[in-house]
Structures are given as structure tokens and as C-alpha cells.
PDB file of N, CA and C in Angstrom:
ATOM      1  N   MET A   1      14.016   4.417   8.225  1.00  0.00           N
ATOM      2  CA  MET A   1      12.803   3.640   8.030  1.00  0.00           C
ATOM      3  C   MET A   1      11.978   3.680   9.314  1.00  0.00           C
ATOM      4  N   THR A   2      10.722   4.009   9.181  1.00  0.00           N
ATOM      5  CA  THR A   2       9.813   4.075  10.322  1.00  0.00           C
ATOM      6  C   THR A   2       9.338   2.677  10.700  1.00  0.00           C
ATOM      7  N   ILE A   3       9.374   2.398  11.994  1.00  0.00           N
ATOM      8  CA  ILE A   3       8.909   1.117  12.511  1.00  0.00           C
ATOM      9  C   ILE A   3       7.667   1.365  13.367  1.00  0.00           C
ATOM     10  N   PHE A   4       6.663   0.534  13.177  1.00  0.00           N
ATOM     11  CA  PHE A   4       5.437   0.611  13.971  1.00  0.00           C
ATOM     12  C   PHE A   4       5.458  -0.513  14.998  1.00  0.00           C
ATOM     13  N   ARG A   5       5.129  -0.147  16.248  1.00  0.00           N
ATOM     14  CA  ARG A   5       5.072  -1.119  17.342  1.00  0.00           C
ATOM     15  C   ARG A   5       3.743  -0.972  18.067  1.00  0.00           C
ATOM     16  N   THR A   6       3.314  -2.071  18.665  1.00  0.00           N
ATOM     17  CA  THR A   6       2.069  -2.038  19.419  1.00  0.00           C
ATOM     18  C   THR A   6       2.291  -1.367  20.767  1.00  0.00           C
ATOM     19  N   ASN A   7       1.231  -0.799  21.286  1.00  0.00           N
ATOM     20  CA  ASN A   7       1.244  -0.210  22.623  1.00  0.00           C
ATOM     21  C   ASN A   7       1.098  -1.363  23.620  1.00  0.00           C
ATOM     22  N   LYS A   8       2.130  -1.606  24.410  1.00  0.00           N
ATOM     23  CA  LYS A   8       2.185  -2.784  25.280  1.00  0.00           C
ATOM     24  C   LYS A   8       1.173  -2.756  26.428  1.00  0.00           C
ATOM     25  N   ARG A   9       0.570  -1.604  26.709  1.00  0.00           N
ATOM     26  CA  ARG A   9      -0.410  -1.564  27.800  1.00  0.00           C
ATOM     27  C   ARG A   9      -1.781  -2.075  27.380  1.00  0.00           C
ATOM     28  N   LEU A  10      -1.965  -2.303  26.073  1.00  0.00           N
ATOM     29  CA  LEU A  10      -3.241  -2.796  25.562  1.00  0.00           C
ATOM     30  C   LEU A  10      -3.285  -4.312  25.597  1.00  0.00           C
ATOM     31  N   VAL A  11      -4.489  -4.835  25.720  1.00  0.00           N
ATOM     32  CA  VAL A  11      -4.712  -6.273  25.667  1.00  0.00           C
ATOM     33  C   VAL A  11      -5.187  -6.614  24.254  1.00  0.00           C
ATOM     34  N   PHE A  12      -4.494  -7.549  23.608  1.00  0.00           N
ATOM     35  CA  PHE A  12      -4.825  -7.988  22.255  1.00  0.00           C
ATOM     36  C   PHE A  12      -5.353  -9.413  22.348  1.00  0.00           C
ATOM     37  N   ARG A  13      -6.553  -9.622  21.830  1.00  0.00           N
ATOM     38  CA  ARG A  13      -7.140 -10.964  21.851  1.00  0.00           C
ATOM     39  C   ARG A  13      -7.586 -11.332  20.442  1.00  0.00           C
ATOM     40  N   LYS A  14      -6.926 -12.332  19.886  1.00  0.00           N
ATOM     41  CA  LYS A  14      -7.249 -12.784  18.537  1.00  0.00           C
ATOM     42  C   LYS A  14      -8.424 -13.751  18.581  1.00  0.00           C
ATOM     43  N   GLU A  15      -9.323 -13.590  17.630  1.00  0.00           N
ATOM     44  CA  GLU A  15     -10.505 -14.434  17.490  1.00  0.00           C
ATOM     45  C   GLU A  15     -10.529 -14.993  16.067  1.00  0.00           C
ATOM     46  N   ASP A  16     -11.470 -15.883  15.784  1.00  0.00           N
ATOM     47  CA  ASP A  16     -11.584 -16.465  14.446  1.00  0.00           C
ATOM     48  C   ASP A  16     -11.838 -15.415  13.367  1.00  0.00           C
ATOM     49  N   GLU A  17     -12.626 -14.416  13.687  1.00  0.00           N
ATOM     50  CA  GLU A  17     -13.023 -13.411  12.696  1.00  0.00           C
ATOM     51  C   GLU A  17     -12.369 -12.053  12.926  1.00  0.00           C
ATOM     52  N   GLY A  18     -11.164 -12.026  13.465  1.00  0.00           N
ATOM     53  CA  GLY A  18     -10.468 -10.772  13.698  1.00  0.00           C
ATOM     54  C   GLY A  18      -9.837 -10.752  15.068  1.00  0.00           C
ATOM     55  N   ALA A  19      -9.971  -9.623  15.751  1.00  0.00           N
ATOM     56  CA  ALA A  19      -9.367  -9.491  17.072  1.00  0.00           C
ATOM     57  C   ALA A  19     -10.007  -8.333  17.818  1.00  0.00           C
ATOM     58  N   PHE A  20      -9.737  -8.292  19.126  1.00  0.00           N
ATOM     59  CA  PHE A  20     -10.170  -7.200  19.977  1.00  0.00           C
ATOM     60  C   PHE A  20      -8.947  -6.547  20.607  1.00  0.00           C
ATOM     61  N   LEU A  21      -9.002  -5.227  20.729  1.00  0.00           N
ATOM     62  CA  LEU A  21      -8.020  -4.472  21.491  1.00  0.00           C
ATOM     63  C   LEU A  21      -8.756  -3.851  22.662  1.00  0.00           C
ATOM     64  N   PHE A  22      -8.214  -4.035  23.848  1.00  0.00           N
ATOM     65  CA  PHE A  22      -8.830  -3.498  25.052  1.00  0.00           C
ATOM     66  C   PHE A  22      -7.826  -2.610  25.766  1.00  0.00           C
ATOM     67  N   ASP A  23      -8.263  -1.405  26.106  1.00  0.00           N
ATOM     68  CA  ASP A  23      -7.438  -0.472  26.863  1.00  0.00           C
ATOM     69  C   ASP A  23      -7.920  -0.489  28.311  1.00  0.00           C
ATOM     70  N   PRO A  24      -7.164  -1.119  29.207  1.00  0.00           N
ATOM     71  CA  PRO A  24      -7.609  -1.221  30.592  1.00  0.00           C
ATOM     72  C   PRO A  24      -7.658   0.125  31.314  1.00  0.00           C
ATOM     73  N   ASP A  25      -6.912   1.110  30.834  1.00  0.00           N
ATOM     74  CA  ASP A  25      -6.918   2.429  31.456  1.00  0.00           C
ATOM     75  C   ASP A  25      -8.214   3.182  31.211  1.00  0.00           C
ATOM     76  N   THR A  26      -8.776   3.016  30.002  1.00  0.00           N
ATOM     77  CA  THR A  26      -9.987   3.762  29.641  1.00  0.00           C
ATOM     78  C   THR A  26     -11.225   2.878  29.564  1.00  0.00           C
ATOM     79  N   GLY A  27     -11.029   1.566  29.504  1.00  0.00           N
ATOM     80  CA  GLY A  27     -12.149   0.652  29.335  1.00  0.00           C
ATOM     81  C   GLY A  27     -12.623   0.544  27.893  1.00  0.00           C
ATOM     82  N   SER A  28     -11.898   1.162  26.973  1.00  0.00           N
ATOM     83  CA  SER A  28     -12.277   1.139  25.554  1.00  0.00           C
ATOM     84  C   SER A  28     -11.987  -0.217  24.937  1.00  0.00           C
ATOM     85  N   LEU A  29     -12.905  -0.642  24.083  1.00  0.00           N
ATOM     86  CA  LEU A  29     -12.762  -1.892  23.349  1.00  0.00           C
ATOM     87  C   LEU A  29     -12.852  -1.562  21.867  1.00  0.00           C
ATOM     88  N   TYR A  30     -11.942  -2.103  21.080  1.00  0.00           N
ATOM     89  CA  TYR A  30     -11.901  -1.826  19.648  1.00  0.00           C
ATOM     90  C   TYR A  30     -11.816  -3.151  18.907  1.00  0.00           C
ATOM     91  N   CYS A  31     -12.623  -3.312  17.878  1.00  0.00           N
ATOM     92  CA  CYS A  31     -12.650  -4.545  17.086  1.00  0.00           C
ATOM     93  C   CYS A  31     -11.822  -4.364  15.810  1.00  0.00           C
ATOM     94  N   LEU A  32     -11.070  -5.394  15.462  1.00  0.00           N
ATOM     95  CA  LEU A  32     -10.292  -5.407  14.230  1.00  0.00           C
ATOM     96  C   LEU A  32     -10.800  -6.534  13.335  1.00  0.00           C
ATOM     97  N   ASN A  33     -10.889  -6.260  12.035  1.00  0.00           N
ATOM     98  CA  ASN A  33     -11.211  -7.323  11.088  1.00  0.00           C
ATOM     99  C   ASN A  33      -9.970  -8.204  10.918  1.00  0.00           C
ATOM    100  N   PRO A  34     -10.065  -9.321  10.200  1.00  0.00           N
ATOM    101  CA  PRO A  34      -8.906 -10.216  10.076  1.00  0.00           C
ATOM    102  C   PRO A  34      -7.652  -9.540   9.506  1.00  0.00           C
ATOM    103  N   THR A  35      -7.828  -8.661   8.551  1.00  0.00           N
ATOM    104  CA  THR A  35      -6.668  -7.969   7.974  1.00  0.00           C
ATOM    105  C   THR A  35      -6.048  -7.025   8.993  1.00  0.00           C
ATOM    106  N   GLY A  36      -6.876  -6.259   9.696  1.00  0.00           N
ATOM    107  CA  GLY A  36      -6.376  -5.367  10.735  1.00  0.00           C
ATOM    108  C   GLY A  36      -5.676  -6.131  11.843  1.00  0.00           C
ATOM    109  N   ALA A  37      -6.229  -7.292  12.195  1.00  0.00           N
ATOM    110  CA  ALA A  37      -5.618  -8.129  13.235  1.00  0.00           C
ATOM    111  C   ALA A  37      -4.243  -8.619  12.796  1.00  0.00           C
ATOM    112  N   MET A  38      -4.123  -8.997  11.525  1.00  0.00           N
ATOM    113  CA  MET A  38      -2.836  -9.456  11.010  1.00  0.00           C
ATOM    114  C   MET A  38      -1.802  -8.334  11.038  1.00  0.00           C
ATOM    115  N   VAL A  39      -2.207  -7.140  10.628  1.00  0.00           N
ATOM    116  CA  VAL A  39      -1.293  -5.999  10.640  1.00  0.00           C
ATOM    117  C   VAL A  39      -0.869  -5.692  12.078  1.00  0.00           C
ATOM    118  N   TYR A  40      -1.822  -5.650  12.995  1.00  0.00           N
ATOM    119  CA  TYR A  40      -1.502  -5.356  14.393  1.00  0.00           C
ATOM    120  C   TYR A  40      -0.564  -6.412  14.968  1.00  0.00           C
ATOM    121  N   GLU A  41      -0.833  -7.662  14.655  1.00  0.00           N
ATOM    122  CA  GLU A  41       0.011  -8.761  15.137  1.00  0.00           C
ATOM    123  C   GLU A  41       1.445  -8.624  14.636  1.00  0.00           C
ATOM    124  N   ARG A  42       1.593  -8.260  13.364  1.00  0.00           N
ATOM    125  CA  ARG A  42       2.937  -8.081  12.780  1.00  0.00           C
ATOM    126  C   ARG A  42       3.691  -6.944  13.457  1.00  0.00           C
ATOM    127  N   CYS A  43       2.963  -5.981  13.995  1.00  0.00           N
ATOM    128  CA  CYS A  43       3.596  -4.839  14.656  1.00  0.00           C
ATOM    129  C   CYS A  43       4.036  -5.156  16.089  1.00  0.00           C
ATOM    130  N   GLN A  44       3.659  -6.305  16.625  1.00  0.00           N
ATOM    131  CA  GLN A  44       4.020  -6.634  17.999  1.00  0.00           C
ATOM    132  C   GLN A  44       5.536  -6.676  18.197  1.00  0.00           C
ATOM    133  N   ASP A  45       6.259  -7.130  17.202  1.00  0.00           N
ATOM    134  CA  ASP A  45       7.722  -7.150  17.277  1.00  0.00           C
ATOM    135  C   ASP A  45       8.344  -6.001  16.495  1.00  0.00           C
ATOM    136  N   GLY A  46       7.503  -5.125  15.978  1.00  0.00           N
ATOM    137  CA  GLY A  46       7.970  -4.000  15.173  1.00  0.00           C
ATOM    138  C   GLY A  46       7.954  -4.357  13.698  1.00  0.00           C
ATOM    139  N   ALA A  47       7.364  -3.494  12.895  1.00  0.00           N
ATOM    140  CA  ALA A  47       7.283  -3.725  11.451  1.00  0.00           C
ATOM    141  C   ALA A  47       7.294  -2.386  10.727  1.00  0.00           C
ATOM    142  N   SER A  48       7.960  -2.365   9.597  1.00  0.00           N
ATOM    143  CA  SER A  48       7.983  -1.145   8.788  1.00  0.00           C
ATOM    144  C   SER A  48       6.760  -1.109   7.872  1.00  0.00           C
ATOM    145  N   TYR A  49       6.456   0.068   7.390  1.00  0.00           N
ATOM    146  CA  TYR A  49       5.355   0.235   6.437  1.00  0.00           C
ATOM    147  C   TYR A  49       5.590  -0.645   5.215  1.00  0.00           C
ATOM    148  N   GLU A  50       6.827  -0.668   4.725  1.00  0.00           N
ATOM    149  CA  GLU A  50       7.150  -1.441   3.538  1.00  0.00           C
ATOM    150  C   GLU A  50       6.945  -2.942   3.769  1.00  0.00           C
ATOM    151  N   ASP A  51       7.348  -3.437   4.940  1.00  0.00           N
ATOM    152  CA  ASP A  51       7.143  -4.851   5.271  1.00  0.00           C
ATOM    153  C   ASP A  51       5.652  -5.186   5.322  1.00  0.00           C
ATOM    154  N   LEU A  52       4.889  -4.320   5.976  1.00  0.00           N
ATOM    155  CA  LEU A  52       3.448  -4.551   6.083  1.00  0.00           C
ATOM    156  C   LEU A  52       2.792  -4.532   4.704  1.00  0.00           C
ATOM    157  N   LEU A  53       3.184  -3.574   3.871  1.00  0.00           N
ATOM    158  CA  LEU A  53       2.625  -3.458   2.524  1.00  0.00           C
ATOM    159  C   LEU A  53       2.935  -4.698   1.697  1.00  0.00           C
ATOM    160  N   SER A  54       4.176  -5.152   1.711  1.00  0.00           N
ATOM    161  CA  SER A  54       4.530  -6.322   0.900  1.00  0.00           C
ATOM    162  C   SER A  54       3.806  -7.574   1.391  1.00  0.00           C
ATOM    163  N   THR A  55       3.616  -7.711   2.707  1.00  0.00           N
ATOM    164  CA  THR A  55       2.878  -8.849   3.252  1.00  0.00           C
ATOM    165  C   THR A  55       1.428  -8.833   2.772  1.00  0.00           C
ATOM    166  N   LEU A  56       0.801  -7.667   2.823  1.00  0.00           N
ATOM    167  CA  LEU A  56      -0.591  -7.561   2.390  1.00  0.00           C
ATOM    168  C   LEU A  56      -0.749  -7.827   0.895  1.00  0.00           C
ATOM    169  N   VAL A  57       0.116  -7.255   0.090  1.00  0.00           N
ATOM    170  CA  VAL A  57       0.021  -7.427  -1.365  1.00  0.00           C
ATOM    171  C   VAL A  57       0.268  -8.888  -1.731  1.00  0.00           C
ATOM    172  N   ALA A  58       1.235  -9.524  -1.088  1.00  0.00           N
ATOM    173  CA  ALA A  58       1.542 -10.929  -1.387  1.00  0.00           C
ATOM    174  C   ALA A  58       0.404 -11.851  -0.964  1.00  0.00           C
ATOM    175  N   GLY A  59      -0.306 -11.480   0.087  1.00  0.00           N
ATOM    176  CA  GLY A  59      -1.358 -12.349   0.604  1.00  0.00           C
ATOM    177  C   GLY A  59      -2.720 -12.165  -0.036  1.00  0.00           C
ATOM    178  N   CYS A  60      -2.847 -11.218  -0.937  1.00  0.00           N
ATOM    179  CA  CYS A  60      -4.149 -10.932  -1.538  1.00  0.00           C
ATOM    180  C   CYS A  60      -4.015 -10.943  -3.061  1.00  0.00           C
ATOM    181  N   GLU A  61      -4.571 -11.942  -3.679  1.00  0.00           N
ATOM    182  CA  GLU A  61      -4.516 -12.017  -5.138  1.00  0.00           C
ATOM    183  C   GLU A  61      -5.480 -11.015  -5.761  1.00  0.00           C
ATOM    184  N   GLY A  62      -5.042 -10.424  -6.843  1.00  0.00           N
ATOM    185  CA  GLY A  62      -5.906  -9.554  -7.615  1.00  0.00           C
ATOM    186  C   GLY A  62      -6.163  -8.185  -7.010  1.00  0.00           C
ATOM    187  N   VAL A  63      -5.375  -7.799  -6.013  1.00  0.00           N
ATOM    188  CA  VAL A  63      -5.572  -6.475  -5.422  1.00  0.00           C
ATOM    189  C   VAL A  63      -4.719  -5.452  -6.151  1.00  0.00           C
ATOM    190  N   VAL A  64      -5.183  -4.225  -6.131  1.00  0.00           N
ATOM    191  CA  VAL A  64      -4.436  -3.124  -6.715  1.00  0.00           C
ATOM    192  C   VAL A  64      -3.544  -2.557  -5.616  1.00  0.00           C
ATOM    193  N   GLU A  65      -2.240  -2.585  -5.844  1.00  0.00           N
ATOM    194  CA  GLU A  65      -1.298  -2.168  -4.805  1.00  0.00           C
ATOM    195  C   GLU A  65      -1.590  -0.759  -4.304  1.00  0.00           C
ATOM    196  N   GLU A  66      -1.993   0.121  -5.173  1.00  0.00           N
ATOM    197  CA  GLU A  66      -2.266   1.499  -4.757  1.00  0.00           C
ATOM    198  C   GLU A  66      -3.416   1.558  -3.753  1.00  0.00           C
ATOM    199  N   GLU A  67      -4.428   0.712  -3.936  1.00  0.00           N
ATOM    200  CA  GLU A  67      -5.543   0.650  -2.978  1.00  0.00           C
ATOM    201  C   GLU A  67      -5.070   0.117  -1.634  1.00  0.00           C
ATOM    202  N   VAL A  68      -4.250  -0.922  -1.664  1.00  0.00           N
ATOM    203  CA  VAL A  68      -3.707  -1.485  -0.425  1.00  0.00           C
ATOM    204  C   VAL A  68      -2.861  -0.433   0.286  1.00  0.00           C
ATOM    205  N   ARG A  69      -2.061   0.269  -0.472  1.00  0.00           N
ATOM    206  CA  ARG A  69      -1.196   1.326   0.078  1.00  0.00           C
ATOM    207  C   ARG A  69      -2.044   2.392   0.791  1.00  0.00           C
ATOM    208  N   LYS A  70      -3.101   2.835   0.133  1.00  0.00           N
ATOM    209  CA  LYS A  70      -3.983   3.866   0.697  1.00  0.00           C
ATOM    210  C   LYS A  70      -4.680   3.360   1.959  1.00  0.00           C
ATOM    211  N   ASP A  71      -5.221   2.147   1.906  1.00  0.00           N
ATOM    212  CA  ASP A  71      -5.927   1.576   3.059  1.00  0.00           C
ATOM    213  C   ASP A  71      -4.985   1.328   4.237  1.00  0.00           C
ATOM    214  N   LEU A  72      -3.782   0.835   3.964  1.00  0.00           N
ATOM    215  CA  LEU A  72      -2.816   0.583   5.029  1.00  0.00           C
ATOM    216  C   LEU A  72      -2.410   1.892   5.698  1.00  0.00           C
ATOM    217  N   LYS A  73      -2.159   2.896   4.906  1.00  0.00           N
ATOM    218  CA  LYS A  73      -1.774   4.198   5.468  1.00  0.00           C
ATOM    219  C   LYS A  73      -2.875   4.742   6.373  1.00  0.00           C
ATOM    220  N   ALA A  74      -4.131   4.649   5.941  1.00  0.00           N
ATOM    221  CA  ALA A  74      -5.263   5.131   6.740  1.00  0.00           C
ATOM    222  C   ALA A  74      -5.397   4.322   8.030  1.00  0.00           C
ATOM    223  N   PHE A  75      -5.226   3.005   7.941  1.00  0.00           N
ATOM    224  CA  PHE A  75      -5.320   2.145   9.125  1.00  0.00           C
ATOM    225  C   PHE A  75      -4.228   2.493  10.134  1.00  0.00           C
ATOM    226  N   LEU A  76      -2.993   2.632   9.671  1.00  0.00           N
ATOM    227  CA  LEU A  76      -1.883   2.949  10.572  1.00  0.00           C
ATOM    228  C   LEU A  76      -2.088   4.319  11.231  1.00  0.00           C
ATOM    229  N   GLU A  77      -2.573   5.284  10.467  1.00  0.00           N
ATOM    230  CA  GLU A  77      -2.834   6.616  11.030  1.00  0.00           C
ATOM    231  C   GLU A  77      -3.897   6.541  12.124  1.00  0.00           C
ATOM    232  N   GLU A  78      -4.977   5.805  11.869  1.00  0.00           N
ATOM    233  CA  GLU A  78      -6.032   5.672  12.870  1.00  0.00           C
ATOM    234  C   GLU A  78      -5.510   4.974  14.126  1.00  0.00           C
ATOM    235  N   MET A  79      -4.720   3.933  13.945  1.00  0.00           N
ATOM    236  CA  MET A  79      -4.177   3.198  15.094  1.00  0.00           C
ATOM    237  C   MET A  79      -3.225   4.077  15.916  1.00  0.00           C
ATOM    238  N   LYS A  80      -2.464   4.940  15.234  1.00  0.00           N
ATOM    239  CA  LYS A  80      -1.582   5.879  15.950  1.00  0.00           C
ATOM    240  C   LYS A  80      -2.404   6.918  16.706  1.00  0.00           C
ATOM    241  N   GLU A  81      -3.421   7.475  16.049  1.00  0.00           N
ATOM    242  CA  GLU A  81      -4.262   8.494  16.683  1.00  0.00           C
ATOM    243  C   GLU A  81      -4.951   7.953  17.934  1.00  0.00           C
ATOM    244  N   ARG A  82      -5.361   6.697  17.898  1.00  0.00           N
ATOM    245  CA  ARG A  82      -6.024   6.081  19.034  1.00  0.00           C
ATOM    246  C   ARG A  82      -5.041   5.634  20.118  1.00  0.00           C
ATOM    247  N   GLY A  83      -3.746   5.687  19.803  1.00  0.00           N
ATOM    248  CA  GLY A  83      -2.733   5.272  20.760  1.00  0.00           C
ATOM    249  C   GLY A  83      -2.491   3.775  20.771  1.00  0.00           C
ATOM    250  N   PHE A  84      -2.981   3.065  19.757  1.00  0.00           N
ATOM    251  CA  PHE A  84      -2.816   1.615  19.686  1.00  0.00           C
ATOM    252  C   PHE A  84      -1.469   1.213  19.101  1.00  0.00           C
ATOM    253  N   LEU A  85      -0.932   2.057  18.213  1.00  0.00           N
ATOM    254  CA  LEU A  85       0.387   1.826  17.641  1.00  0.00           C
ATOM    255  C   LEU A  85       1.292   2.999  17.949  1.00  0.00           C
ATOM    256  N   ILE A  86       2.564   2.705  18.088  1.00  0.00           N
ATOM    257  CA  ILE A  86       3.576   3.724  18.357  1.00  0.00           C
ATOM    258  C   ILE A  86       4.532   3.722  17.182  1.00  0.00           C
ATOM    259  N   GLU A  87       4.789   4.906  16.644  1.00  0.00           N
ATOM    260  CA  GLU A  87       5.679   5.046  15.501  1.00  0.00           C
ATOM    261  C   GLU A  87       7.040   5.510  16.000  1.00  0.00           C
ATOM    262  N   GLY A  88       8.061   4.843  15.524  1.00  0.00           N
ATOM    263  CA  GLY A  88       9.392   5.285  15.940  1.00  0.00           C
ATOM    264  C   GLY A  88      10.471   4.324  15.570  1.00  0.00           C
TER     265      GLY A  88
END
């Protein structure tokens, strides 16, 4: 089972309407919506794709699981490509 973890060198700041990720090495700032912030927060202690998916589906009434699955996969891929999440 693949576990996703946050990159510990980044600064994570949660706000009312989402969160910010700041990379002190590059000066890059990235904004997360509330759902992205929740996913990133869950990854701080390590989370599997399946755990993240079940949390999202349980927390959103009337969503189509396949859409959540597709969106979560795209989000995790983008976060890995940017170096914000580490897979392992």
C-alpha cells in the first residue's frame, strides 16, 4: 500500500478558506482550497490513497465516487510533481 507524506521542509499554514504551502528554498507559495488543505493535512502523518478516498467520499454527500477518485488522483499527482508530497 502506497503512503503519501508531506514534504517536511515546506511551511503549511491553514486558513479559514483553505491553506497555503510555502517553500522557503524557492520562495514559491501555493494555495489550497479547503478540500486540498484537508487532504494535505491528513498526509502529515502519512495516509494511503484508500484512506484519503474514503474520507472524502464519507464527507461529501451526493458525490460520485468515480469523480472523487479521479480528482484525488490528479491532486496527488500534482502535489508529487511539485515536491509537496512524497510517495513511499
